[in-house]
Amino acid sequence: MRQLKRGEIAEIIYEGSTTPQKGNRTILPTSVPQTIIRAIELTELSQQERNEMQHLYAEYAEYYENFTANAYNFETWVEHSTGKTISPKWRAFKLSKIVG
């Protein structure tokens, strides 16, 4: 399967979910799923250190959630930075249906 990269325009051939018809699409991936889990290795830590790491990460996750809640979405960012109002066609594509 070809490698899609977030933020890079890609030409794909997509097989519809309800019909076997294939169509050429030009997309700008905004999220590309990973097959590898990113994680913090805790194996060599004591149980107390593991618990502390879990607590610290929970605090960080809450901070990050609050930070992103106040961030611009793509449309408002474009309007803020360029003065243009846009209405992109957001779509979801199943990776298993990208055939070329």
PDB file of N, CA and C in Angstrom:
ATOM      1  N   MET A   1       0.836  -1.173   0.000  1.00  0.00           N
ATOM      2  CA  MET A   1       0.000   0.000   0.000  1.00  0.00           C
ATOM      3  C   MET A   1       0.887   1.244   0.000  1.00  0.00           C
ATOM      4  N   ARG A   2       0.446   2.261  -0.694  1.00  0.00           N
ATOM      5  CA  ARG A   2       1.230   3.498  -0.776  1.00  0.00           C
ATOM      6  C   ARG A   2       1.194   4.254   0.541  1.00  0.00           C
ATOM      7  N   GLN A   3       2.201   5.041   0.764  1.00  0.00           N
ATOM      8  CA  GLN A   3       2.332   5.813   2.001  1.00  0.00           C
ATOM      9  C   GLN A   3       1.721   7.199   1.797  1.00  0.00           C
ATOM     10  N   LEU A   4       0.680   7.504   2.545  1.00  0.00           N
ATOM     11  CA  LEU A   4       0.094   8.836   2.521  1.00  0.00           C
ATOM     12  C   LEU A   4       0.746   9.660   3.622  1.00  0.00           C
ATOM     13  N   LYS A   5       0.956  10.941   3.357  1.00  0.00           N
ATOM     14  CA  LYS A   5       1.572  11.813   4.356  1.00  0.00           C
ATOM     15  C   LYS A   5       0.630  12.967   4.661  1.00  0.00           C
ATOM     16  N   ARG A   6       0.509  13.255   5.948  1.00  0.00           N
ATOM     17  CA  ARG A   6      -0.364  14.338   6.383  1.00  0.00           C
ATOM     18  C   ARG A   6       0.121  15.653   5.788  1.00  0.00           C
ATOM     19  N   GLY A   7      -0.805  16.388   5.188  1.00  0.00           N
ATOM     20  CA  GLY A   7      -0.481  17.696   4.639  1.00  0.00           C
ATOM     21  C   GLY A   7       0.110  17.691   3.246  1.00  0.00           C
ATOM     22  N   GLU A   8       0.236  16.507   2.620  1.00  0.00           N
ATOM     23  CA  GLU A   8       0.769  16.422   1.258  1.00  0.00           C
ATOM     24  C   GLU A   8      -0.325  15.933   0.316  1.00  0.00           C
ATOM     25  N   ILE A   9      -0.551  16.677  -0.763  1.00  0.00           N
ATOM     26  CA  ILE A   9      -1.581  16.321  -1.738  1.00  0.00           C
ATOM     27  C   ILE A   9      -1.275  14.952  -2.325  1.00  0.00           C
ATOM     28  N   ALA A  10      -2.326  14.131  -2.467  1.00  0.00           N
ATOM     29  CA  ALA A  10      -2.158  12.777  -3.007  1.00  0.00           C
ATOM     30  C   ALA A  10      -3.249  12.488  -4.022  1.00  0.00           C
ATOM     31  N   GLU A  11      -2.869  11.829  -5.083  1.00  0.00           N
ATOM     32  CA  GLU A  11      -3.822  11.333  -6.073  1.00  0.00           C
ATOM     33  C   GLU A  11      -4.079   9.871  -5.717  1.00  0.00           C
ATOM     34  N   ILE A  12      -5.350   9.505  -5.512  1.00  0.00           N
ATOM     35  CA  ILE A  12      -5.669   8.129  -5.139  1.00  0.00           C
ATOM     36  C   ILE A  12      -6.757   7.578  -6.051  1.00  0.00           C
ATOM     37  N   ILE A  13      -6.844   6.276  -6.076  1.00  0.00           N
ATOM     38  CA  ILE A  13      -7.966   5.593  -6.709  1.00  0.00           C
ATOM     39  C   ILE A  13      -8.745   4.973  -5.564  1.00  0.00           C
ATOM     40  N   TYR A  14     -10.010   5.346  -5.446  1.00  0.00           N
ATOM     41  CA  TYR A  14     -10.809   4.932  -4.297  1.00  0.00           C
ATOM     42  C   TYR A  14     -11.987   4.093  -4.748  1.00  0.00           C
ATOM     43  N   GLU A  15     -12.164   2.953  -4.093  1.00  0.00           N
ATOM     44  CA  GLU A  15     -13.273   2.043  -4.385  1.00  0.00           C
ATOM     45  C   GLU A  15     -14.379   2.350  -3.386  1.00  0.00           C
ATOM     46  N   GLY A  16     -15.537   2.751  -3.886  1.00  0.00           N
ATOM     47  CA  GLY A  16     -16.634   3.142  -3.012  1.00  0.00           C
ATOM     48  C   GLY A  16     -17.077   2.037  -2.074  1.00  0.00           C
ATOM     49  N   SER A  17     -17.667   2.428  -0.964  1.00  0.00           N
ATOM     50  CA  SER A  17     -18.126   1.455   0.035  1.00  0.00           C
ATOM     51  C   SER A  17     -19.423   0.781  -0.371  1.00  0.00           C
ATOM     52  N   THR A  18     -20.276   1.495  -1.099  1.00  0.00           N
ATOM     53  CA  THR A  18     -21.575   0.923  -1.469  1.00  0.00           C
ATOM     54  C   THR A  18     -21.596   0.360  -2.881  1.00  0.00           C
ATOM     55  N   THR A  19     -20.655   0.770  -3.713  1.00  0.00           N
ATOM     56  CA  THR A  19     -20.567   0.234  -5.068  1.00  0.00           C
ATOM     57  C   THR A  19     -19.122  -0.132  -5.360  1.00  0.00           C
ATOM     58  N   PRO A  20     -18.904  -1.106  -6.233  1.00  0.00           N
ATOM     59  CA  PRO A  20     -17.525  -1.491  -6.560  1.00  0.00           C
ATOM     60  C   PRO A  20     -16.840  -0.514  -7.524  1.00  0.00           C
ATOM     61  N   GLN A  21     -17.529   0.562  -7.887  1.00  0.00           N
ATOM     62  CA  GLN A  21     -16.980   1.533  -8.822  1.00  0.00           C
ATOM     63  C   GLN A  21     -15.771   2.242  -8.223  1.00  0.00           C
ATOM     64  N   LYS A  22     -14.728   2.357  -9.021  1.00  0.00           N
ATOM     65  CA  LYS A  22     -13.510   3.036  -8.579  1.00  0.00           C
ATOM     66  C   LYS A  22     -13.507   4.456  -9.133  1.00  0.00           C
ATOM     67  N   GLY A  23     -12.987   5.386  -8.331  1.00  0.00           N
ATOM     68  CA  GLY A  23     -12.925   6.771  -8.777  1.00  0.00           C
ATOM     69  C   GLY A  23     -11.597   7.394  -8.415  1.00  0.00           C
ATOM     70  N   ASN A  24     -11.124   8.285  -9.271  1.00  0.00           N
ATOM     71  CA  ASN A  24      -9.894   9.028  -8.995  1.00  0.00           C
ATOM     72  C   ASN A  24     -10.244  10.186  -8.084  1.00  0.00           C
ATOM     73  N   ARG A  25      -9.468  10.367  -7.059  1.00  0.00           N
ATOM     74  CA  ARG A  25      -9.680  11.451  -6.103  1.00  0.00           C
ATOM     75  C   ARG A  25      -8.355  12.146  -5.841  1.00  0.00           C
ATOM     76  N   THR A  26      -8.431  13.440  -5.609  1.00  0.00           N
ATOM     77  CA  THR A  26      -7.279  14.215  -5.161  1.00  0.00           C
ATOM     78  C   THR A  26      -7.591  14.636  -3.734  1.00  0.00           C
ATOM     79  N   ILE A  27      -6.729  14.260  -2.807  1.00  0.00           N
ATOM     80  CA  ILE A  27      -6.999  14.527  -1.396  1.00  0.00           C
ATOM     81  C   ILE A  27      -5.808  15.212  -0.730  1.00  0.00           C
ATOM     82  N   LEU A  28      -6.087  15.875   0.387  1.00  0.00           N
ATOM     83  CA  LEU A  28      -5.062  16.449   1.250  1.00  0.00           C
ATOM     84  C   LEU A  28      -5.249  15.793   2.612  1.00  0.00           C
ATOM     85  N   PRO A  29      -4.511  14.731   2.897  1.00  0.00           N
ATOM     86  CA  PRO A  29      -4.688  14.021   4.165  1.00  0.00           C
ATOM     87  C   PRO A  29      -4.432  14.926   5.371  1.00  0.00           C
ATOM     88  N   THR A  30      -5.396  14.942   6.293  1.00  0.00           N
ATOM     89  CA  THR A  30      -5.239  15.719   7.520  1.00  0.00           C
ATOM     90  C   THR A  30      -4.953  14.814   8.704  1.00  0.00           C
ATOM     91  N   SER A  31      -5.154  13.521   8.524  1.00  0.00           N
ATOM     92  CA  SER A  31      -4.863  12.525   9.553  1.00  0.00           C
ATOM     93  C   SER A  31      -4.572  11.220   8.839  1.00  0.00           C
ATOM     94  N   VAL A  32      -3.466  10.605   9.175  1.00  0.00           N
ATOM     95  CA  VAL A  32      -3.104   9.330   8.565  1.00  0.00           C
ATOM     96  C   VAL A  32      -2.862   8.342   9.698  1.00  0.00           C
ATOM     97  N   PRO A  33      -3.703   7.302   9.791  1.00  0.00           N
ATOM     98  CA  PRO A  33      -3.538   6.353  10.894  1.00  0.00           C
ATOM     99  C   PRO A  33      -2.177   5.659  10.869  1.00  0.00           C
ATOM    100  N   GLN A  34      -1.710   5.340  12.031  1.00  0.00           N
ATOM    101  CA  GLN A  34      -0.432   4.651  12.176  1.00  0.00           C
ATOM    102  C   GLN A  34      -0.690   3.181  12.499  1.00  0.00           C
ATOM    103  N   THR A  35       0.233   2.324  12.146  1.00  0.00           N
ATOM    104  CA  THR A  35       0.111   0.914  12.510  1.00  0.00           C
ATOM    105  C   THR A  35       0.962   0.612  13.736  1.00  0.00           C
ATOM    106  N   ILE A  36       1.701   1.581  14.200  1.00  0.00           N
ATOM    107  CA  ILE A  36       2.575   1.405  15.356  1.00  0.00           C
ATOM    108  C   ILE A  36       2.068   2.290  16.488  1.00  0.00           C
ATOM    109  N   ILE A  37       1.927   1.734  17.656  1.00  0.00           N
ATOM    110  CA  ILE A  37       1.467   2.483  18.810  1.00  0.00           C
ATOM    111  C   ILE A  37       2.632   3.260  19.411  1.00  0.00           C
ATOM    112  N   ARG A  38       2.440   4.548  19.634  1.00  0.00           N
ATOM    113  CA  ARG A  38       3.436   5.340  20.367  1.00  0.00           C
ATOM    114  C   ARG A  38       3.139   5.160  21.838  1.00  0.00           C
ATOM    115  N   ALA A  39       4.137   4.865  22.612  1.00  0.00           N
ATOM    116  CA  ALA A  39       3.937   4.592  24.036  1.00  0.00           C
ATOM    117  C   ALA A  39       5.189   4.957  24.813  1.00  0.00           C
ATOM    118  N   ILE A  40       5.009   5.116  26.112  1.00  0.00           N
ATOM    119  CA  ILE A  40       6.133   5.337  27.018  1.00  0.00           C
ATOM    120  C   ILE A  40       6.483   3.989  27.637  1.00  0.00           C
ATOM    121  N   GLU A  41       7.713   3.582  27.505  1.00  0.00           N
ATOM    122  CA  GLU A  41       8.170   2.301  28.047  1.00  0.00           C
ATOM    123  C   GLU A  41       8.274   2.391  29.562  1.00  0.00           C
ATOM    124  N   LEU A  42       7.572   1.506  30.273  1.00  0.00           N
ATOM    125  CA  LEU A  42       7.563   1.509  31.734  1.00  0.00           C
ATOM    126  C   LEU A  42       8.152   0.245  32.345  1.00  0.00           C
ATOM    127  N   THR A  43       8.600  -0.681  31.534  1.00  0.00           N
ATOM    128  CA  THR A  43       9.040  -1.991  31.994  1.00  0.00           C
ATOM    129  C   THR A  43      10.051  -1.924  33.129  1.00  0.00           C
ATOM    130  N   GLU A  44      11.039  -1.064  33.015  1.00  0.00           N
ATOM    131  CA  GLU A  44      12.123  -1.029  33.992  1.00  0.00           C
ATOM    132  C   GLU A  44      11.836  -0.151  35.203  1.00  0.00           C
ATOM    133  N   LEU A  45      10.632   0.423  35.277  1.00  0.00           N
ATOM    134  CA  LEU A  45      10.285   1.283  36.402  1.00  0.00           C
ATOM    135  C   LEU A  45       9.597   0.485  37.507  1.00  0.00           C
ATOM    136  N   SER A  46       9.740   0.967  38.745  1.00  0.00           N
ATOM    137  CA  SER A  46       9.028   0.335  39.865  1.00  0.00           C
ATOM    138  C   SER A  46       7.539   0.657  39.743  1.00  0.00           C
ATOM    139  N   GLN A  47       6.722  -0.037  40.514  1.00  0.00           N
ATOM    140  CA  GLN A  47       5.287   0.216  40.473  1.00  0.00           C
ATOM    141  C   GLN A  47       4.985   1.664  40.868  1.00  0.00           C
ATOM    142  N   GLN A  48       5.698   2.181  41.854  1.00  0.00           N
ATOM    143  CA  GLN A  48       5.499   3.571  42.276  1.00  0.00           C
ATOM    144  C   GLN A  48       5.852   4.533  41.141  1.00  0.00           C
ATOM    145  N   GLU A  49       6.967   4.281  40.454  1.00  0.00           N
ATOM    146  CA  GLU A  49       7.370   5.130  39.333  1.00  0.00           C
ATOM    147  C   GLU A  49       6.377   5.030  38.179  1.00  0.00           C
ATOM    148  N   ARG A  50       5.840   3.833  37.957  1.00  0.00           N
ATOM    149  CA  ARG A  50       4.824   3.658  36.914  1.00  0.00           C
ATOM    150  C   ARG A  50       3.582   4.479  37.240  1.00  0.00           C
ATOM    151  N   ASN A  51       3.146   4.396  38.507  1.00  0.00           N
ATOM    152  CA  ASN A  51       1.967   5.154  38.923  1.00  0.00           C
ATOM    153  C   ASN A  51       2.194   6.657  38.779  1.00  0.00           C
ATOM    154  N   GLU A  52       3.402   7.099  39.139  1.00  0.00           N
ATOM    155  CA  GLU A  52       3.728   8.515  39.010  1.00  0.00           C
ATOM    156  C   GLU A  52       3.699   8.939  37.536  1.00  0.00           C
ATOM    157  N   MET A  53       4.266   8.114  36.670  1.00  0.00           N
ATOM    158  CA  MET A  53       4.279   8.417  35.241  1.00  0.00           C
ATOM    159  C   MET A  53       2.848   8.484  34.700  1.00  0.00           C
ATOM    160  N   GLN A  54       2.006   7.553  35.137  1.00  0.00           N
ATOM    161  CA  GLN A  54       0.613   7.548  34.706  1.00  0.00           C
ATOM    162  C   GLN A  54      -0.082   8.832  35.156  1.00  0.00           C
ATOM    163  N   HIS A  55       0.156   9.246  36.400  1.00  0.00           N
ATOM    164  CA  HIS A  55      -0.431  10.470  36.927  1.00  0.00           C
ATOM    165  C   HIS A  55       0.057  11.700  36.148  1.00  0.00           C
ATOM    166  N   LEU A  56       1.371  11.763  35.910  1.00  0.00           N
ATOM    167  CA  LEU A  56       1.927  12.888  35.161  1.00  0.00           C
ATOM    168  C   LEU A  56       1.358  12.952  33.749  1.00  0.00           C
ATOM    169  N   TYR A  57       1.209  11.788  33.123  1.00  0.00           N
ATOM    170  CA  TYR A  57       0.665  11.787  31.764  1.00  0.00           C
ATOM    171  C   TYR A  57      -0.804  12.217  31.766  1.00  0.00           C
ATOM    172  N   ALA A  58      -1.564  11.812  32.772  1.00  0.00           N
ATOM    173  CA  ALA A  58      -2.960  12.237  32.882  1.00  0.00           C
ATOM    174  C   ALA A  58      -3.047  13.756  33.010  1.00  0.00           C
ATOM    175  N   GLU A  59      -2.147  14.354  33.811  1.00  0.00           N
ATOM    176  CA  GLU A  59      -2.101  15.818  33.941  1.00  0.00           C
ATOM    177  C   GLU A  59      -1.770  16.467  32.601  1.00  0.00           C
ATOM    178  N   TYR A  60      -0.781  15.898  31.914  1.00  0.00           N
ATOM    179  CA  TYR A  60      -0.399  16.433  30.606  1.00  0.00           C
ATOM    180  C   TYR A  60      -1.554  16.328  29.619  1.00  0.00           C
ATOM    181  N   ALA A  61      -2.250  15.192  29.601  1.00  0.00           N
ATOM    182  CA  ALA A  61      -3.370  14.992  28.674  1.00  0.00           C
ATOM    183  C   ALA A  61      -4.468  16.023  28.925  1.00  0.00           C
ATOM    184  N   GLU A  62      -4.733  16.325  30.188  1.00  0.00           N
ATOM    185  CA  GLU A  62      -5.737  17.339  30.521  1.00  0.00           C
ATOM    186  C   GLU A  62      -5.278  18.723  30.046  1.00  0.00           C
ATOM    187  N   TYR A  63      -4.002  19.046  30.289  1.00  0.00           N
ATOM    188  CA  TYR A  63      -3.441  20.309  29.798  1.00  0.00           C
ATOM    189  C   TYR A  63      -3.586  20.395  28.283  1.00  0.00           C
ATOM    190  N   TYR A  64      -3.214  19.334  27.573  1.00  0.00           N
ATOM    191  CA  TYR A  64      -3.247  19.343  26.112  1.00  0.00           C
ATOM    192  C   TYR A  64      -4.676  19.476  25.597  1.00  0.00           C
ATOM    193  N   GLU A  65      -5.607  18.797  26.239  1.00  0.00           N
ATOM    194  CA  GLU A  65      -7.016  18.890  25.842  1.00  0.00           C
ATOM    195  C   GLU A  65      -7.517  20.324  25.998  1.00  0.00           C
ATOM    196  N   ASN A  66      -7.180  20.968  27.112  1.00  0.00           N
ATOM    197  CA  ASN A  66      -7.578  22.362  27.322  1.00  0.00           C
ATOM    198  C   ASN A  66      -6.909  23.293  26.317  1.00  0.00           C
ATOM    199  N   PHE A  67      -5.653  23.035  26.016  1.00  0.00           N
ATOM    200  CA  PHE A  67      -4.909  23.851  25.058  1.00  0.00           C
ATOM    201  C   PHE A  67      -5.552  23.766  23.669  1.00  0.00           C
ATOM    202  N   THR A  68      -5.851  22.541  23.221  1.00  0.00           N
ATOM    203  CA  THR A  68      -6.415  22.373  21.879  1.00  0.00           C
ATOM    204  C   THR A  68      -7.865  22.825  21.798  1.00  0.00           C
ATOM    205  N   ALA A  69      -8.587  22.823  22.931  1.00  0.00           N
ATOM    206  CA  ALA A  69      -9.982  23.279  22.925  1.00  0.00           C
ATOM    207  C   ALA A  69     -10.078  24.748  22.532  1.00  0.00           C
ATOM    208  N   ASN A  70      -9.027  25.513  22.814  1.00  0.00           N
ATOM    209  CA  ASN A  70      -9.032  26.937  22.496  1.00  0.00           C
ATOM    210  C   ASN A  70      -8.316  27.264  21.193  1.00  0.00           C
ATOM    211  N   ALA A  71      -7.834  26.256  20.523  1.00  0.00           N
ATOM    212  CA  ALA A  71      -7.103  26.470  19.271  1.00  0.00           C
ATOM    213  C   ALA A  71      -8.091  26.671  18.113  1.00  0.00           C
ATOM    214  N   TYR A  72      -7.620  27.333  17.057  1.00  0.00           N
ATOM    215  CA  TYR A  72      -8.425  27.496  15.856  1.00  0.00           C
ATOM    216  C   TYR A  72      -8.628  26.156  15.172  1.00  0.00           C
ATOM    217  N   ASN A  73      -9.793  25.962  14.535  1.00  0.00           N
ATOM    218  CA  ASN A  73      -9.899  24.850  13.596  1.00  0.00           C
ATOM    219  C   ASN A  73      -9.366  25.349  12.250  1.00  0.00           C
ATOM    220  N   PHE A  74      -9.300  24.515  11.265  1.00  0.00           N
ATOM    221  CA  PHE A  74      -8.681  24.890   9.996  1.00  0.00           C
ATOM    222  C   PHE A  74      -9.384  26.080   9.359  1.00  0.00           C
ATOM    223  N   GLU A  75     -10.714  26.040   9.310  1.00  0.00           N
ATOM    224  CA  GLU A  75     -11.460  27.109   8.662  1.00  0.00           C
ATOM    225  C   GLU A  75     -11.259  28.459   9.357  1.00  0.00           C
ATOM    226  N   THR A  76     -11.351  28.482  10.694  1.00  0.00           N
ATOM    227  CA  THR A  76     -11.187  29.755  11.400  1.00  0.00           C
ATOM    228  C   THR A  76      -9.742  30.240  11.348  1.00  0.00           C
ATOM    229  N   TRP A  77      -8.783  29.310  11.287  1.00  0.00           N
ATOM    230  CA  TRP A  77      -7.395  29.709  11.166  1.00  0.00           C
ATOM    231  C   TRP A  77      -7.150  30.387   9.817  1.00  0.00           C
ATOM    232  N   VAL A  78      -7.699  29.808   8.726  1.00  0.00           N
ATOM    233  CA  VAL A  78      -7.531  30.418   7.404  1.00  0.00           C
ATOM    234  C   VAL A  78      -8.163  31.804   7.393  1.00  0.00           C
ATOM    235  N   GLU A  79      -9.369  31.924   7.971  1.00  0.00           N
ATOM    236  CA  GLU A  79     -10.032  33.230   8.007  1.00  0.00           C
ATOM    237  C   GLU A  79      -9.217  34.242   8.819  1.00  0.00           C
ATOM    238  N   HIS A  80      -8.698  33.803   9.950  1.00  0.00           N
ATOM    239  CA  HIS A  80      -7.894  34.684  10.805  1.00  0.00           C
ATOM    240  C   HIS A  80      -6.596  35.107  10.118  1.00  0.00           C
ATOM    241  N   SER A  81      -5.924  34.163   9.464  1.00  0.00           N
ATOM    242  CA  SER A  81      -4.604  34.458   8.910  1.00  0.00           C
ATOM    243  C   SER A  81      -4.633  35.092   7.525  1.00  0.00           C
ATOM    244  N   THR A  82      -5.707  34.847   6.745  1.00  0.00           N
ATOM    245  CA  THR A  82      -5.734  35.381   5.379  1.00  0.00           C
ATOM    246  C   THR A  82      -6.917  36.296   5.106  1.00  0.00           C
ATOM    247  N   GLY A  83      -7.926  36.243   5.963  1.00  0.00           N
ATOM    248  CA  GLY A  83      -9.144  37.015   5.717  1.00  0.00           C
ATOM    249  C   GLY A  83     -10.109  36.318   4.778  1.00  0.00           C
ATOM    250  N   LYS A  84      -9.751  35.155   4.270  1.00  0.00           N
ATOM    251  CA  LYS A  84     -10.613  34.394   3.355  1.00  0.00           C
ATOM    252  C   LYS A  84     -11.518  33.465   4.147  1.00  0.00           C
ATOM    253  N   THR A  85     -12.741  33.287   3.653  1.00  0.00           N
ATOM    254  CA  THR A  85     -13.662  32.317   4.223  1.00  0.00           C
ATOM    255  C   THR A  85     -13.702  31.118   3.283  1.00  0.00           C
ATOM    256  N   ILE A  86     -13.436  29.930   3.816  1.00  0.00           N
ATOM    257  CA  ILE A  86     -13.424  28.726   2.981  1.00  0.00           C
ATOM    258  C   ILE A  86     -14.398  27.696   3.546  1.00  0.00           C
ATOM    259  N   SER A  87     -14.823  26.793   2.687  1.00  0.00           N
ATOM    260  CA  SER A  87     -15.687  25.672   3.096  1.00  0.00           C
ATOM    261  C   SER A  87     -15.163  24.395   2.450  1.00  0.00           C
ATOM    262  N   PRO A  88     -14.096  23.808   3.021  1.00  0.00           N
ATOM    263  CA  PRO A  88     -13.536  22.593   2.422  1.00  0.00           C
ATOM    264  C   PRO A  88     -14.506  21.422   2.522  1.00  0.00           C
ATOM    265  N   LYS A  89     -14.381  20.497   1.599  1.00  0.00           N
ATOM    266  CA  LYS A  89     -15.190  19.277   1.604  1.00  0.00           C
ATOM    267  C   LYS A  89     -14.466  18.220   2.426  1.00  0.00           C
ATOM    268  N   TRP A  90     -14.801  18.124   3.710  1.00  0.00           N
ATOM    269  CA  TRP A  90     -14.177  17.132   4.585  1.00  0.00           C
ATOM    270  C   TRP A  90     -14.734  15.761   4.242  1.00  0.00           C
ATOM    271  N   ARG A  91     -13.889  14.781   4.072  1.00  0.00           N
ATOM    272  CA  ARG A  91     -14.287  13.417   3.749  1.00  0.00           C
ATOM    273  C   ARG A  91     -13.452  12.441   4.568  1.00  0.00           C
ATOM    274  N   ALA A  92     -13.993  11.248   4.757  1.00  0.00           N
ATOM    275  CA  ALA A  92     -13.254  10.158   5.398  1.00  0.00           C
ATOM    276  C   ALA A  92     -13.070   9.062   4.350  1.00  0.00           C
ATOM    277  N   PHE A  93     -11.865   8.544   4.243  1.00  0.00           N
ATOM    278  CA  PHE A  93     -11.553   7.491   3.285  1.00  0.00           C
ATOM    279  C   PHE A  93     -11.017   6.287   4.043  1.00  0.00           C
ATOM    280  N   LYS A  94     -11.626   5.130   3.845  1.00  0.00           N
ATOM    281  CA  LYS A  94     -11.119   3.898   4.461  1.00  0.00           C
ATOM    282  C   LYS A  94      -9.849   3.498   3.719  1.00  0.00           C
ATOM    283  N   LEU A  95      -8.778   3.263   4.469  1.00  0.00           N
ATOM    284  CA  LEU A  95      -7.523   2.867   3.847  1.00  0.00           C
ATOM    285  C   LEU A  95      -7.668   1.603   3.015  1.00  0.00           C
ATOM    286  N   SER A  96      -8.511   0.692   3.468  1.00  0.00           N
ATOM    287  CA  SER A  96      -8.688  -0.570   2.737  1.00  0.00           C
ATOM    288  C   SER A  96      -9.362  -0.376   1.385  1.00  0.00           C
ATOM    289  N   LYS A  97      -9.984   0.792   1.166  1.00  0.00           N
ATOM    290  CA  LYS A  97     -10.663   1.073  -0.105  1.00  0.00           C
ATOM    291  C   LYS A  97      -9.801   1.878  -1.058  1.00  0.00           C
ATOM    292  N   ILE A  98      -8.604   2.297  -0.621  1.00  0.00           N
ATOM    293  CA  ILE A  98      -7.681   2.991  -1.533  1.00  0.00           C
ATOM    294  C   ILE A  98      -6.912   1.906  -2.270  1.00  0.00           C
ATOM    295  N   VAL A  99      -7.159   1.821  -3.572  1.00  0.00           N
ATOM    296  CA  VAL A  99      -6.592   0.726  -4.359  1.00  0.00           C
ATOM    297  C   VAL A  99      -5.470   1.180  -5.278  1.00  0.00           C
ATOM    298  N   GLY A 100      -5.150   2.402  -5.263  1.00  0.00           N
ATOM    299  CA  GLY A 100      -4.060   2.882  -6.100  1.00  0.00           C
ATOM    300  C   GLY A 100      -3.681   4.280  -5.801  1.00  0.00           C
TER     301      GLY A 100
END
